[in-house]
Structures are given as C-alpha cells and as structure tokens.
Amino acid sequence: MKKIKYIIALIGLLSAGSVHAQQEPMYGQYIFNNSVLNPAQAGAENVNQWGVLSRFQFVGIDGAPNTNSAYANLQLPRQLGLAVGFYQDKLGIEEHLQLQTDLAYHARLSDRWRLSAGIRVLASNHEYKFRELILDNPGDPFFAENASSGILLNAGAGLLLSSESSFFGLSMPRVFEKDLQVYDPGDFVFFHKTNRHLFAYAGTNIPVSDAFLFMPSALFKYADDAPVQLDFNAVFNYRNTLSFGPLARSNLTEGWLDAVGFLVGLSLGDHWFFGYIYEYPTNNLSLATKQTHEISLRFLWGERTDRFRSPRYFY
C-alpha cells in the first residue's frame, strides 16, 4: 500500500508540473473565444454568442486530458459586457469543474481604438476519484472514498486594447493561489497546487485581396513551476465563410516545439459557426500518441450597427 501511495503522489506532482497549463482551459481556438483567456473580452465582440467546445488531448493515452465547456458572451447597455462559462477538465482520476462570470467595461479612446477592462469571479471544485482505481488490495482504506477540494472561490482581471484591425490583451484569470490537499489518516498528501497564470496575446488583420484576410495571432502563457509557452496561429479567412491555417505551440523553457497543427472554421448560414483543430505533438509524447482534436460550435446573433465595430478577429 505504501508503494501505491508514493506512486499516486508522484503522479500528482507530475500533473502539477508537466501538465500544469491544464489549470486554465487550454484551447487552440482561443482566437474564436478570447473570453476564456481574458474577462475584458466580455461583450467586446460585435455580436452576442453562445457556444460549446471540447478538446481531446493525446488521444490513445489512458487518462489523457479532456476539456469540455459551454459559454455565453453578451453585449449589455452602457458599454458593458457579460460572459458566463462552465468548464470541465479531466486528467486521470482528477476532475476539475469551474463556473465563472465576467463583467467588462469598454471605453472608446478614439475613433479607432477602444480600451476594455474586465473582472472575473469564479468557483471551482477538484475531485479525485480514487474509487475508479484498480488496486491489488481492494480493501485499502486510503482509496476507499473519493476526495474533494470543496468549493474554491477566486477572482481574475484583464485589459484589452483593440481597434478594427488589431488587438492586444493582458490578463490574470486567477489571482489567488491555492494549495489542494487530500487527507490520509495521520498525514496530508500534496496532490495539486493552483498557481497564478499570466496571459498576453496580440493579433492583427491584414487584407490580402478582396476575398482573403490574413489574421496572425500569438499567445504567451506564464505560470509558476510550469513551462513558459508561446502559441502561434496564422489564420486565413475567405469571404467571412471559411477560416483555415496552421498553428504551433512552443515550450520556451525547454527550447523546443511542443505541437503543430491546423485550424479550420466554417460559417453555417448567418448564425452558426463550426471550428475544428488537429494537433500533432512534436515532443516525446509523439512516441505514445499522434493526435489531439478540438471541436467547437457557436451561435451568433444581435450584430451591432454602431460605427465602432469590434475587430474581425472575433469572427
């Protein structure tokens, strides 16, 4: 039993390090739902929207990360915006549930530029499903019951500077750090630590022709005790109907590329939008898996008619 304890504790420590980015939802399609990164994005788009998104990481590996979400992003009167999201992350026997609400204010700086500021309130829960483990000793009391962190409250904040052709965002979605522990008779075993994350991102729109628009973007991610990451998307948009392009995710701490892939987005009529991403790991994970898939579906309505339109990167 003691050896099993050490193995499970080691898995927890590795999860807090090598897969640490999973503490915040990891998506390749952030360009289509930036509110997952930054509360200042609430109501920043020129349309209202609701959507669902699922990410299946490292397909073929038992216990690999799986993320599902449902969200709504709405415009409000008086230059306000509201976003609500529900997220479910699974990694091995750990399940993380999170409900968050964002409120943002959008101030016009000039005819071209607008500055948005947002705050986030969130509640989350971590559950460790020990009863799903297959044990040599089924009667081991250490694994007799599942363990839960209870409801954890937190807050976040962010800024967004945007024009009709460019955007710059900075956010800390989770301000307060939390140490999560699971009780073992006579001892505490450390399994997970929730660290602050810092996101910085930017992008622009470059007309290539009357039919094509080039929309490059980059996302920088930093968290304590985790690799520093830099993501790139190079999306082409054809007549506001088809979006496509390559993407790459790099590990700046280790100095190598973590994954490459491509993105495809398709407008289904005036209101529906479907998105898909395929990623191929370029690190050692490629020995065990060759694929990560991400799919999304959005419904958009209530397009704005005022002079200041949100950037088309919110497509």
C-alpha atoms as a PDB file:
ATOM      1  CA  MET A   1       0.000   0.000   0.000  1.00  0.00           C
ATOM      2  CA  LYS A   2       2.827   2.378   0.813  1.00  0.00           C
ATOM      3  CA  LYS A   3       4.292   1.991  -2.661  1.00  0.00           C
ATOM      4  CA  ILE A   4       0.931   2.768  -4.210  1.00  0.00           C
ATOM      5  CA  LYS A   5       0.724   5.953  -2.114  1.00  0.00           C
ATOM      6  CA  TYR A   6       4.100   7.094  -3.393  1.00  0.00           C
ATOM      7  CA  ILE A   7       3.102   6.347  -6.998  1.00  0.00           C
ATOM      8  CA  ILE A   8      -0.144   8.325  -6.718  1.00  0.00           C
ATOM      9  CA  ALA A   9       1.638  11.228  -5.002  1.00  0.00           C
ATOM     10  CA  LEU A  10       4.247  11.224  -7.774  1.00  0.00           C
ATOM     11  CA  ILE A  11       1.530  11.323 -10.413  1.00  0.00           C
ATOM     12  CA  GLY A  12       0.053  14.341  -8.641  1.00  0.00           C
ATOM     13  CA  LEU A  13       3.366  16.146  -8.565  1.00  0.00           C
ATOM     14  CA  LEU A  14       3.968  15.459 -12.241  1.00  0.00           C
ATOM     15  CA  SER A  15       0.472  16.690 -13.044  1.00  0.00           C
ATOM     16  CA  ALA A  16       1.159  19.947 -11.222  1.00  0.00           C
ATOM     17  CA  GLY A  17       4.323  20.423 -13.248  1.00  0.00           C
ATOM     18  CA  SER A  18       4.392  18.968 -16.740  1.00  0.00           C
ATOM     19  CA  VAL A  19       0.657  19.365 -17.364  1.00  0.00           C
ATOM     20  CA  HIS A  20       0.318  22.493 -15.289  1.00  0.00           C
ATOM     21  CA  ALA A  21      -1.243  24.506 -18.108  1.00  0.00           C
ATOM     22  CA  GLN A  22      -4.403  22.440 -17.669  1.00  0.00           C
ATOM     23  CA  GLN A  23      -5.273  24.508 -14.572  1.00  0.00           C
ATOM     24  CA  GLU A  24      -6.692  27.020 -17.052  1.00  0.00           C
ATOM     25  CA  PRO A  25      -8.623  25.640 -20.029  1.00  0.00           C
ATOM     26  CA  MET A  26      -6.187  25.044 -22.914  1.00  0.00           C
ATOM     27  CA  TYR A  27      -7.661  25.745 -26.344  1.00  0.00           C
ATOM     28  CA  GLY A  28      -6.203  26.220 -29.793  1.00  0.00           C
ATOM     29  CA  GLN A  29      -9.360  28.090 -30.868  1.00  0.00           C
ATOM     30  CA  TYR A  30      -8.827  30.978 -28.451  1.00  0.00           C
ATOM     31  CA  ILE A  31      -8.996  33.310 -31.460  1.00  0.00           C
ATOM     32  CA  PHE A  32     -12.717  32.449 -31.704  1.00  0.00           C
ATOM     33  CA  ASN A  33     -13.405  32.672 -27.943  1.00  0.00           C
ATOM     34  CA  ASN A  34     -10.934  35.007 -26.282  1.00  0.00           C
ATOM     35  CA  SER A  35     -13.189  35.362 -23.229  1.00  0.00           C
ATOM     36  CA  VAL A  36     -11.702  32.085 -21.975  1.00  0.00           C
ATOM     37  CA  LEU A  37      -8.405  33.985 -21.626  1.00  0.00           C
ATOM     38  CA  ASN A  38      -9.488  37.426 -20.551  1.00  0.00           C
ATOM     39  CA  PRO A  39     -12.553  38.778 -18.703  1.00  0.00           C
ATOM     40  CA  ALA A  40     -12.117  42.051 -20.625  1.00  0.00           C
ATOM     41  CA  GLN A  41     -13.405  40.197 -23.713  1.00  0.00           C
ATOM     42  CA  ALA A  42     -16.929  40.053 -22.253  1.00  0.00           C
ATOM     43  CA  GLY A  43     -19.167  41.941 -24.682  1.00  0.00           C
ATOM     44  CA  ALA A  44     -16.203  43.073 -26.789  1.00  0.00           C
ATOM     45  CA  GLU A  45     -17.439  41.372 -29.945  1.00  0.00           C
ATOM     46  CA  ASN A  46     -19.801  42.925 -32.448  1.00  0.00           C
ATOM     47  CA  VAL A  47     -22.263  40.052 -31.872  1.00  0.00           C
ATOM     48  CA  ASN A  48     -23.685  38.077 -28.982  1.00  0.00           C
ATOM     49  CA  GLN A  49     -22.798  34.404 -28.948  1.00  0.00           C
ATOM     50  CA  TRP A  50     -23.096  31.155 -27.079  1.00  0.00           C
ATOM     51  CA  GLY A  51     -21.118  28.039 -27.789  1.00  0.00           C
ATOM     52  CA  VAL A  52     -19.749  24.676 -26.755  1.00  0.00           C
ATOM     53  CA  LEU A  53     -16.205  23.378 -27.157  1.00  0.00           C
ATOM     54  CA  SER A  54     -14.461  20.065 -26.464  1.00  0.00           C
ATOM     55  CA  ARG A  55     -10.758  19.269 -26.539  1.00  0.00           C
ATOM     56  CA  PHE A  56      -9.458  15.685 -26.584  1.00  0.00           C
ATOM     57  CA  GLN A  57      -5.727  15.749 -25.844  1.00  0.00           C
ATOM     58  CA  PHE A  58      -3.228  12.950 -26.502  1.00  0.00           C
ATOM     59  CA  VAL A  59      -5.820  10.548 -27.930  1.00  0.00           C
ATOM     60  CA  GLY A  60      -4.887   6.928 -27.221  1.00  0.00           C
ATOM     61  CA  ILE A  61      -3.331   7.533 -23.781  1.00  0.00           C
ATOM     62  CA  ASP A  62      -5.463   6.367 -20.844  1.00  0.00           C
ATOM     63  CA  GLY A  63      -6.312   9.238 -18.519  1.00  0.00           C
ATOM     64  CA  ALA A  64      -5.206  11.912 -21.007  1.00  0.00           C
ATOM     65  CA  PRO A  65      -6.613  15.435 -20.549  1.00  0.00           C
ATOM     66  CA  ASN A  66     -10.136  16.074 -21.799  1.00  0.00           C
ATOM     67  CA  THR A  67     -11.788  19.508 -21.583  1.00  0.00           C
ATOM     68  CA  ASN A  68     -15.413  20.465 -22.222  1.00  0.00           C
ATOM     69  CA  SER A  69     -17.011  23.882 -21.948  1.00  0.00           C
ATOM     70  CA  ALA A  70     -20.195  25.838 -22.543  1.00  0.00           C
ATOM     71  CA  TYR A  71     -20.243  29.622 -22.555  1.00  0.00           C
ATOM     72  CA  ALA A  72     -22.177  32.765 -23.480  1.00  0.00           C
ATOM     73  CA  ASN A  73     -20.762  36.195 -24.316  1.00  0.00           C
ATOM     74  CA  LEU A  74     -23.242  39.077 -24.349  1.00  0.00           C
ATOM     75  CA  GLN A  75     -23.336  42.814 -25.002  1.00  0.00           C
ATOM     76  CA  LEU A  76     -25.027  44.962 -22.358  1.00  0.00           C
ATOM     77  CA  PRO A  77     -26.136  48.619 -22.387  1.00  0.00           C
ATOM     78  CA  ARG A  78     -23.787  51.423 -21.283  1.00  0.00           C
ATOM     79  CA  GLN A  79     -20.679  49.894 -22.878  1.00  0.00           C
ATOM     80  CA  LEU A  80     -20.823  46.850 -20.603  1.00  0.00           C
ATOM     81  CA  GLY A  81     -20.396  43.193 -21.435  1.00  0.00           C
ATOM     82  CA  LEU A  82     -21.168  39.921 -19.658  1.00  0.00           C
ATOM     83  CA  ALA A  83     -19.694  36.464 -20.183  1.00  0.00           C
ATOM     84  CA  VAL A  84     -20.554  33.234 -18.368  1.00  0.00           C
ATOM     85  CA  GLY A  85     -18.704  29.957 -18.765  1.00  0.00           C
ATOM     86  CA  PHE A  86     -18.781  26.429 -17.394  1.00  0.00           C
ATOM     87  CA  TYR A  87     -15.660  24.261 -17.773  1.00  0.00           C
ATOM     88  CA  GLN A  88     -14.917  20.619 -17.051  1.00  0.00           C
ATOM     89  CA  ASP A  89     -11.330  19.327 -17.110  1.00  0.00           C
ATOM     90  CA  LYS A  90     -10.402  15.676 -16.660  1.00  0.00           C
ATOM     91  CA  LEU A  91      -6.890  14.315 -16.138  1.00  0.00           C
ATOM     92  CA  GLY A  92      -6.593  10.731 -14.970  1.00  0.00           C
ATOM     93  CA  ILE A  93      -8.645  10.337 -11.799  1.00  0.00           C
ATOM     94  CA  GLU A  94      -8.832  14.109 -11.287  1.00  0.00           C
ATOM     95  CA  GLU A  95     -11.867  16.104 -12.413  1.00  0.00           C
ATOM     96  CA  HIS A  96     -11.962  19.899 -12.256  1.00  0.00           C
ATOM     97  CA  LEU A  97     -15.253  21.800 -12.544  1.00  0.00           C
ATOM     98  CA  GLN A  98     -15.354  25.584 -12.865  1.00  0.00           C
ATOM     99  CA  LEU A  99     -18.100  28.183 -13.179  1.00  0.00           C
ATOM    100  CA  GLN A 100     -17.036  31.732 -13.980  1.00  0.00           C
ATOM    101  CA  THR A 101     -18.722  35.079 -14.625  1.00  0.00           C
ATOM    102  CA  ASP A 102     -17.037  38.065 -16.300  1.00  0.00           C
ATOM    103  CA  LEU A 103     -18.102  41.710 -16.369  1.00  0.00           C
ATOM    104  CA  ALA A 104     -16.314  44.215 -18.617  1.00  0.00           C
ATOM    105  CA  TYR A 105     -16.488  47.918 -19.454  1.00  0.00           C
ATOM    106  CA  HIS A 106     -15.464  49.197 -22.897  1.00  0.00           C
ATOM    107  CA  ALA A 107     -14.239  52.796 -23.159  1.00  0.00           C
ATOM    108  CA  ARG A 108     -13.681  54.443 -26.522  1.00  0.00           C
ATOM    109  CA  LEU A 109     -10.288  56.171 -26.662  1.00  0.00           C
ATOM    110  CA  SER A 110     -10.648  57.495 -30.219  1.00  0.00           C
ATOM    111  CA  ASP A 111     -12.425  56.737 -33.482  1.00  0.00           C
ATOM    112  CA  ARG A 112     -10.031  53.798 -33.947  1.00  0.00           C
ATOM    113  CA  TRP A 113      -9.112  52.484 -30.508  1.00  0.00           C
ATOM    114  CA  ARG A 114     -11.008  51.163 -27.529  1.00  0.00           C
ATOM    115  CA  LEU A 115      -9.781  50.106 -24.072  1.00  0.00           C
ATOM    116  CA  SER A 116     -11.658  47.381 -22.196  1.00  0.00           C
ATOM    117  CA  ALA A 117     -11.258  46.310 -18.566  1.00  0.00           C
ATOM    118  CA  GLY A 118     -12.850  43.236 -17.025  1.00  0.00           C
ATOM    119  CA  ILE A 119     -13.137  41.366 -13.752  1.00  0.00           C
ATOM    120  CA  ARG A 120     -13.885  37.698 -13.154  1.00  0.00           C
ATOM    121  CA  VAL A 121     -15.453  35.799 -10.260  1.00  0.00           C
ATOM    122  CA  LEU A 122     -15.194  32.027 -10.322  1.00  0.00           C
ATOM    123  CA  ALA A 123     -15.987  28.985  -8.244  1.00  0.00           C
ATOM    124  CA  SER A 124     -14.251  25.655  -8.795  1.00  0.00           C
ATOM    125  CA  ASN A 125     -14.011  22.152  -7.393  1.00  0.00           C
ATOM    126  CA  HIS A 126     -11.336  19.436  -7.713  1.00  0.00           C
ATOM    127  CA  GLU A 127     -12.356  15.844  -7.176  1.00  0.00           C
ATOM    128  CA  TYR A 128     -10.032  12.825  -7.057  1.00  0.00           C
ATOM    129  CA  LYS A 129     -11.891   9.631  -7.958  1.00  0.00           C
ATOM    130  CA  PHE A 130      -9.806   7.056  -6.083  1.00  0.00           C
ATOM    131  CA  ARG A 131     -12.625   4.512  -6.252  1.00  0.00           C
ATOM    132  CA  GLU A 132     -12.062   4.220 -10.016  1.00  0.00           C
ATOM    133  CA  LEU A 133      -8.546   2.825  -9.470  1.00  0.00           C
ATOM    134  CA  ILE A 134      -7.930  -0.895  -9.876  1.00  0.00           C
ATOM    135  CA  LEU A 135      -5.987  -1.988  -6.767  1.00  0.00           C
ATOM    136  CA  ASP A 136      -4.124  -5.109  -5.682  1.00  0.00           C
ATOM    137  CA  ASN A 137      -5.750  -4.611  -2.291  1.00  0.00           C
ATOM    138  CA  PRO A 138      -9.371  -3.524  -2.884  1.00  0.00           C
ATOM    139  CA  GLY A 139      -9.893  -3.022   0.852  1.00  0.00           C
ATOM    140  CA  ASP A 140      -7.178  -0.346   1.171  1.00  0.00           C
ATOM    141  CA  PRO A 141      -8.816   2.439   3.254  1.00  0.00           C
ATOM    142  CA  PHE A 142      -6.638   5.088   1.595  1.00  0.00           C
ATOM    143  CA  PHE A 143      -8.584   4.629  -1.641  1.00  0.00           C
ATOM    144  CA  ALA A 144     -11.959   3.733  -0.139  1.00  0.00           C
ATOM    145  CA  GLU A 145     -13.520   7.144  -0.796  1.00  0.00           C
ATOM    146  CA  ASN A 146     -13.173   9.852  -3.384  1.00  0.00           C
ATOM    147  CA  ALA A 147     -11.675  13.153  -2.216  1.00  0.00           C
ATOM    148  CA  SER A 148     -12.829  16.678  -2.981  1.00  0.00           C
ATOM    149  CA  SER A 149     -11.375  20.136  -2.504  1.00  0.00           C
ATOM    150  CA  GLY A 150     -14.799  21.606  -1.805  1.00  0.00           C
ATOM    151  CA  ILE A 151     -15.853  24.889  -3.410  1.00  0.00           C
ATOM    152  CA  LEU A 152     -12.892  27.200  -4.071  1.00  0.00           C
ATOM    153  CA  LEU A 153     -13.561  30.861  -4.826  1.00  0.00           C
ATOM    154  CA  ASN A 154     -11.204  33.023  -6.851  1.00  0.00           C
ATOM    155  CA  ALA A 155     -11.088  36.166  -8.952  1.00  0.00           C
ATOM    156  CA  GLY A 156      -9.371  37.431 -12.093  1.00  0.00           C
ATOM    157  CA  ALA A 157      -8.858  40.606 -14.115  1.00  0.00           C
ATOM    158  CA  GLY A 158      -7.742  41.697 -17.554  1.00  0.00           C
ATOM    159  CA  LEU A 159      -7.261  44.517 -20.064  1.00  0.00           C
ATOM    160  CA  LEU A 160      -7.887  44.652 -23.808  1.00  0.00           C
ATOM    161  CA  LEU A 161      -6.765  47.332 -26.270  1.00  0.00           C
ATOM    162  CA  SER A 162      -8.428  46.922 -29.664  1.00  0.00           C
ATOM    163  CA  SER A 163      -9.102  48.633 -32.966  1.00  0.00           C
ATOM    164  CA  GLU A 164     -10.860  47.482 -36.128  1.00  0.00           C
ATOM    165  CA  SER A 165      -7.677  45.733 -37.265  1.00  0.00           C
ATOM    166  CA  SER A 166      -5.535  44.906 -34.199  1.00  0.00           C
ATOM    167  CA  PHE A 167      -5.812  43.759 -30.603  1.00  0.00           C
ATOM    168  CA  PHE A 168      -3.588  43.449 -27.527  1.00  0.00           C
ATOM    169  CA  GLY A 169      -4.704  41.624 -24.382  1.00  0.00           C
ATOM    170  CA  LEU A 170      -3.242  41.050 -20.914  1.00  0.00           C
ATOM    171  CA  SER A 171      -4.920  39.041 -18.182  1.00  0.00           C
ATOM    172  CA  MET A 172      -4.567  37.083 -14.954  1.00  0.00           C
ATOM    173  CA  PRO A 173      -7.637  34.815 -14.919  1.00  0.00           C
ATOM    174  CA  ARG A 174      -6.903  33.510 -11.408  1.00  0.00           C
ATOM    175  CA  VAL A 175      -5.362  35.938  -8.901  1.00  0.00           C
ATOM    176  CA  PHE A 176      -5.235  33.898  -5.693  1.00  0.00           C
ATOM    177  CA  GLU A 177      -3.078  30.778  -5.291  1.00  0.00           C
ATOM    178  CA  LYS A 178      -4.500  27.641  -3.672  1.00  0.00           C
ATOM    179  CA  ASP A 179      -2.857  24.515  -2.208  1.00  0.00           C
ATOM    180  CA  LEU A 180      -5.105  21.481  -2.562  1.00  0.00           C
ATOM    181  CA  GLN A 181      -4.551  18.556  -0.185  1.00  0.00           C
ATOM    182  CA  VAL A 182      -6.140  15.147   0.214  1.00  0.00           C
ATOM    183  CA  TYR A 183      -6.473  13.728   3.719  1.00  0.00           C
ATOM    184  CA  ASP A 184      -4.814  10.442   4.630  1.00  0.00           C
ATOM    185  CA  PRO A 185      -5.185   9.194   8.240  1.00  0.00           C
ATOM    186  CA  GLY A 186      -2.225  10.591  10.096  1.00  0.00           C
ATOM    187  CA  ASP A 187      -0.848  12.595   7.211  1.00  0.00           C
ATOM    188  CA  PHE A 188      -1.528  15.072   4.413  1.00  0.00           C
ATOM    189  CA  VAL A 189      -0.582  14.173   0.853  1.00  0.00           C
ATOM    190  CA  PHE A 190       0.012  17.019  -1.596  1.00  0.00           C
ATOM    191  CA  PHE A 191      -1.654  16.488  -4.957  1.00  0.00           C
ATOM    192  CA  HIS A 192      -2.246  19.765  -6.699  1.00  0.00           C
ATOM    193  CA  LYS A 193      -1.332  23.427  -6.448  1.00  0.00           C
ATOM    194  CA  THR A 194      -3.269  26.145  -8.250  1.00  0.00           C
ATOM    195  CA  ASN A 195      -0.885  28.869  -9.401  1.00  0.00           C
ATOM    196  CA  ARG A 196      -1.414  32.261 -10.943  1.00  0.00           C
ATOM    197  CA  HIS A 197      -1.397  32.371 -14.732  1.00  0.00           C
ATOM    198  CA  LEU A 198      -0.446  35.342 -16.885  1.00  0.00           C
ATOM    199  CA  PHE A 199      -1.703  35.567 -20.470  1.00  0.00           C
ATOM    200  CA  ALA A 200      -0.517  38.118 -23.041  1.00  0.00           C
ATOM    201  CA  TYR A 201      -1.746  37.959 -26.609  1.00  0.00           C
ATOM    202  CA  ALA A 202      -1.935  40.051 -29.764  1.00  0.00           C
ATOM    203  CA  GLY A 203      -3.036  39.839 -33.367  1.00  0.00           C
ATOM    204  CA  THR A 204      -3.926  41.816 -36.437  1.00  0.00           C
ATOM    205  CA  ASN A 205      -5.926  41.639 -39.683  1.00  0.00           C
ATOM    206  CA  ILE A 206      -4.101  42.049 -42.995  1.00  0.00           C
ATOM    207  CA  PRO A 207      -6.184  42.236 -46.190  1.00  0.00           C
ATOM    208  CA  VAL A 208      -4.597  40.056 -48.866  1.00  0.00           C
ATOM    209  CA  SER A 209      -7.258  40.585 -51.541  1.00  0.00           C
ATOM    210  CA  ASP A 210     -10.941  41.360 -51.798  1.00  0.00           C
ATOM    211  CA  ALA A 211     -11.673  37.748 -50.835  1.00  0.00           C
ATOM    212  CA  PHE A 212      -8.909  36.860 -48.363  1.00  0.00           C
ATOM    213  CA  LEU A 213      -7.958  38.262 -44.973  1.00  0.00           C
ATOM    214  CA  PHE A 214      -4.815  37.135 -43.119  1.00  0.00           C
ATOM    215  CA  MET A 215      -5.225  37.044 -39.307  1.00  0.00           C
ATOM    216  CA  PRO A 216      -1.962  36.139 -37.489  1.00  0.00           C
ATOM    217  CA  SER A 217      -2.016  35.995 -33.685  1.00  0.00           C
ATOM    218  CA  ALA A 218       0.234  34.952 -30.813  1.00  0.00           C
ATOM    219  CA  LEU A 219      -0.469  33.920 -27.209  1.00  0.00           C
ATOM    220  CA  PHE A 220       2.125  33.977 -24.403  1.00  0.00           C
ATOM    221  CA  LYS A 221       1.393  31.882 -21.279  1.00  0.00           C
ATOM    222  CA  TYR A 222       3.283  32.010 -17.994  1.00  0.00           C
ATOM    223  CA  ALA A 223       2.659  30.193 -14.707  1.00  0.00           C
ATOM    224  CA  ASP A 224       4.909  29.440 -11.728  1.00  0.00           C
ATOM    225  CA  ASP A 225       6.518  25.964 -11.800  1.00  0.00           C
ATOM    226  CA  ALA A 226       5.388  25.355 -15.388  1.00  0.00           C
ATOM    227  CA  PRO A 227       6.992  25.686 -18.825  1.00  0.00           C
ATOM    228  CA  VAL A 228       6.619  29.069 -20.497  1.00  0.00           C
ATOM    229  CA  GLN A 229       4.558  28.638 -23.659  1.00  0.00           C
ATOM    230  CA  LEU A 230       4.115  30.644 -26.840  1.00  0.00           C
ATOM    231  CA  ASP A 231       1.338  29.767 -29.313  1.00  0.00           C
ATOM    232  CA  PHE A 232       1.056  30.966 -32.906  1.00  0.00           C
ATOM    233  CA  ASN A 233      -1.974  30.948 -35.220  1.00  0.00           C
ATOM    234  CA  ALA A 234      -1.787  32.001 -38.874  1.00  0.00           C
ATOM    235  CA  VAL A 235      -5.432  32.043 -39.977  1.00  0.00           C
ATOM    236  CA  PHE A 236      -6.702  32.949 -43.442  1.00  0.00           C
ATOM    237  CA  ASN A 237     -10.329  33.966 -43.829  1.00  0.00           C
ATOM    238  CA  TYR A 238     -12.180  33.624 -47.136  1.00  0.00           C
ATOM    239  CA  ARG A 239     -15.199  35.891 -47.595  1.00  0.00           C
ATOM    240  CA  ASN A 240     -16.248  35.542 -43.933  1.00  0.00           C
ATOM    241  CA  THR A 241     -17.179  31.957 -44.725  1.00  0.00           C
ATOM    242  CA  LEU A 242     -14.103  29.746 -44.379  1.00  0.00           C
ATOM    243  CA  SER A 243     -11.182  30.127 -41.949  1.00  0.00           C
ATOM    244  CA  PHE A 244      -8.088  27.943 -42.135  1.00  0.00           C
ATOM    245  CA  GLY A 245      -4.399  27.968 -41.319  1.00  0.00           C
ATOM    246  CA  PRO A 246      -1.501  26.410 -39.397  1.00  0.00           C
ATOM    247  CA  LEU A 247      -0.757  26.691 -35.690  1.00  0.00           C
ATOM    248  CA  ALA A 248       2.210  25.932 -33.447  1.00  0.00           C
ATOM    249  CA  ARG A 249       2.757  25.630 -29.695  1.00  0.00           C
ATOM    250  CA  SER A 250       6.281  26.085 -28.349  1.00  0.00           C
ATOM    251  CA  ASN A 251       7.917  25.333 -24.995  1.00  0.00           C
ATOM    252  CA  LEU A 252      10.220  28.282 -24.345  1.00  0.00           C
ATOM    253  CA  THR A 253      11.522  26.842 -21.066  1.00  0.00           C
ATOM    254  CA  GLU A 254      12.891  23.696 -22.712  1.00  0.00           C
ATOM    255  CA  GLY A 255      13.602  25.393 -26.014  1.00  0.00           C
ATOM    256  CA  TRP A 256      11.613  23.190 -28.358  1.00  0.00           C
ATOM    257  CA  LEU A 257       8.343  22.939 -30.219  1.00  0.00           C
ATOM    258  CA  ASP A 258       5.570  21.085 -28.376  1.00  0.00           C
ATOM    259  CA  ALA A 259       2.972  20.721 -31.115  1.00  0.00           C
ATOM    260  CA  VAL A 260       1.998  21.712 -34.641  1.00  0.00           C
ATOM    261  CA  GLY A 261      -1.373  21.509 -36.346  1.00  0.00           C
ATOM    262  CA  PHE A 262      -4.021  23.248 -38.391  1.00  0.00           C
ATOM    263  CA  LEU A 263      -7.312  25.043 -37.807  1.00  0.00           C
ATOM    264  CA  VAL A 264     -10.483  25.013 -39.913  1.00  0.00           C
ATOM    265  CA  GLY A 265     -13.573  27.145 -39.312  1.00  0.00           C
ATOM    266  CA  LEU A 266     -16.781  27.175 -41.337  1.00  0.00           C
ATOM    267  CA  SER A 267     -19.800  29.502 -41.197  1.00  0.00           C
ATOM    268  CA  LEU A 268     -23.050  27.561 -41.442  1.00  0.00           C
ATOM    269  CA  GLY A 269     -25.507  30.214 -42.565  1.00  0.00           C
ATOM    270  CA  ASP A 270     -25.768  33.604 -40.869  1.00  0.00           C
ATOM    271  CA  HIS A 271     -25.690  32.405 -37.265  1.00  0.00           C
ATOM    272  CA  TRP A 272     -23.829  29.092 -36.876  1.00  0.00           C
ATOM    273  CA  PHE A 273     -20.071  28.575 -36.870  1.00  0.00           C
ATOM    274  CA  PHE A 274     -18.182  25.269 -36.667  1.00  0.00           C
ATOM    275  CA  GLY A 275     -14.491  25.033 -35.725  1.00  0.00           C
ATOM    276  CA  TYR A 276     -12.007  22.165 -35.717  1.00  0.00           C
ATOM    277  CA  ILE A 277      -8.340  21.819 -34.764  1.00  0.00           C
ATOM    278  CA  TYR A 278      -5.912  18.945 -35.210  1.00  0.00           C
ATOM    279  CA  GLU A 279      -2.608  18.959 -33.313  1.00  0.00           C
ATOM    280  CA  TYR A 280       0.385  16.648 -33.619  1.00  0.00           C
ATOM    281  CA  PRO A 281       2.849  16.515 -30.669  1.00  0.00           C
ATOM    282  CA  THR A 282       6.468  17.130 -31.638  1.00  0.00           C
ATOM    283  CA  ASN A 283       7.936  16.254 -28.228  1.00  0.00           C
ATOM    284  CA  ASN A 284       8.362  12.821 -26.602  1.00  0.00           C
ATOM    285  CA  LEU A 285       4.588  12.372 -26.430  1.00  0.00           C
ATOM    286  CA  SER A 286       4.705  11.515 -30.146  1.00  0.00           C
ATOM    287  CA  LEU A 287       6.011   8.087 -29.103  1.00  0.00           C
ATOM    288  CA  ALA A 288       2.646   7.340 -27.448  1.00  0.00           C
ATOM    289  CA  THR A 289       0.111   9.492 -29.335  1.00  0.00           C
ATOM    290  CA  LYS A 290      -0.115  11.262 -32.652  1.00  0.00           C
ATOM    291  CA  GLN A 291      -3.175  13.404 -32.203  1.00  0.00           C
ATOM    292  CA  THR A 292      -5.155  15.980 -30.295  1.00  0.00           C
ATOM    293  CA  HIS A 293      -8.594  17.041 -31.532  1.00  0.00           C
ATOM    294  CA  GLU A 294     -10.647  20.111 -30.698  1.00  0.00           C
ATOM    295  CA  ILE A 295     -14.165  20.889 -31.950  1.00  0.00           C
ATOM    296  CA  SER A 296     -16.473  23.832 -31.336  1.00  0.00           C
ATOM    297  CA  LEU A 297     -19.924  25.042 -32.297  1.00  0.00           C
ATOM    298  CA  ARG A 298     -21.128  28.610 -31.836  1.00  0.00           C
ATOM    299  CA  PHE A 299     -24.376  30.505 -32.382  1.00  0.00           C
ATOM    300  CA  LEU A 300     -24.116  34.258 -33.079  1.00  0.00           C
ATOM    301  CA  TRP A 301     -26.845  36.899 -33.070  1.00  0.00           C
ATOM    302  CA  GLY A 302     -27.564  40.610 -32.487  1.00  0.00           C
ATOM    303  CA  GLU A 303     -24.913  42.246 -34.680  1.00  0.00           C
ATOM    304  CA  ARG A 304     -24.031  45.792 -33.693  1.00  0.00           C
ATOM    305  CA  THR A 305     -24.752  48.676 -36.056  1.00  0.00           C
ATOM    306  CA  ASP A 306     -22.718  51.447 -34.397  1.00  0.00           C
ATOM    307  CA  ARG A 307     -19.654  52.992 -36.053  1.00  0.00           C
ATOM    308  CA  PHE A 308     -17.143  51.321 -33.790  1.00  0.00           C
ATOM    309  CA  ARG A 309     -17.151  47.668 -34.769  1.00  0.00           C
ATOM    310  CA  SER A 310     -15.157  45.080 -32.957  1.00  0.00           C
ATOM    311  CA  PRO A 311     -12.167  43.614 -34.795  1.00  0.00           C
ATOM    312  CA  ARG A 312     -12.865  40.880 -37.307  1.00  0.00           C
ATOM    313  CA  TYR A 313     -10.532  38.553 -35.421  1.00  0.00           C
ATOM    314  CA  PHE A 314     -13.605  37.833 -33.299  1.00  0.00           C
ATOM    315  CA  TYR A 315     -15.085  36.287 -36.481  1.00  0.00           C
END
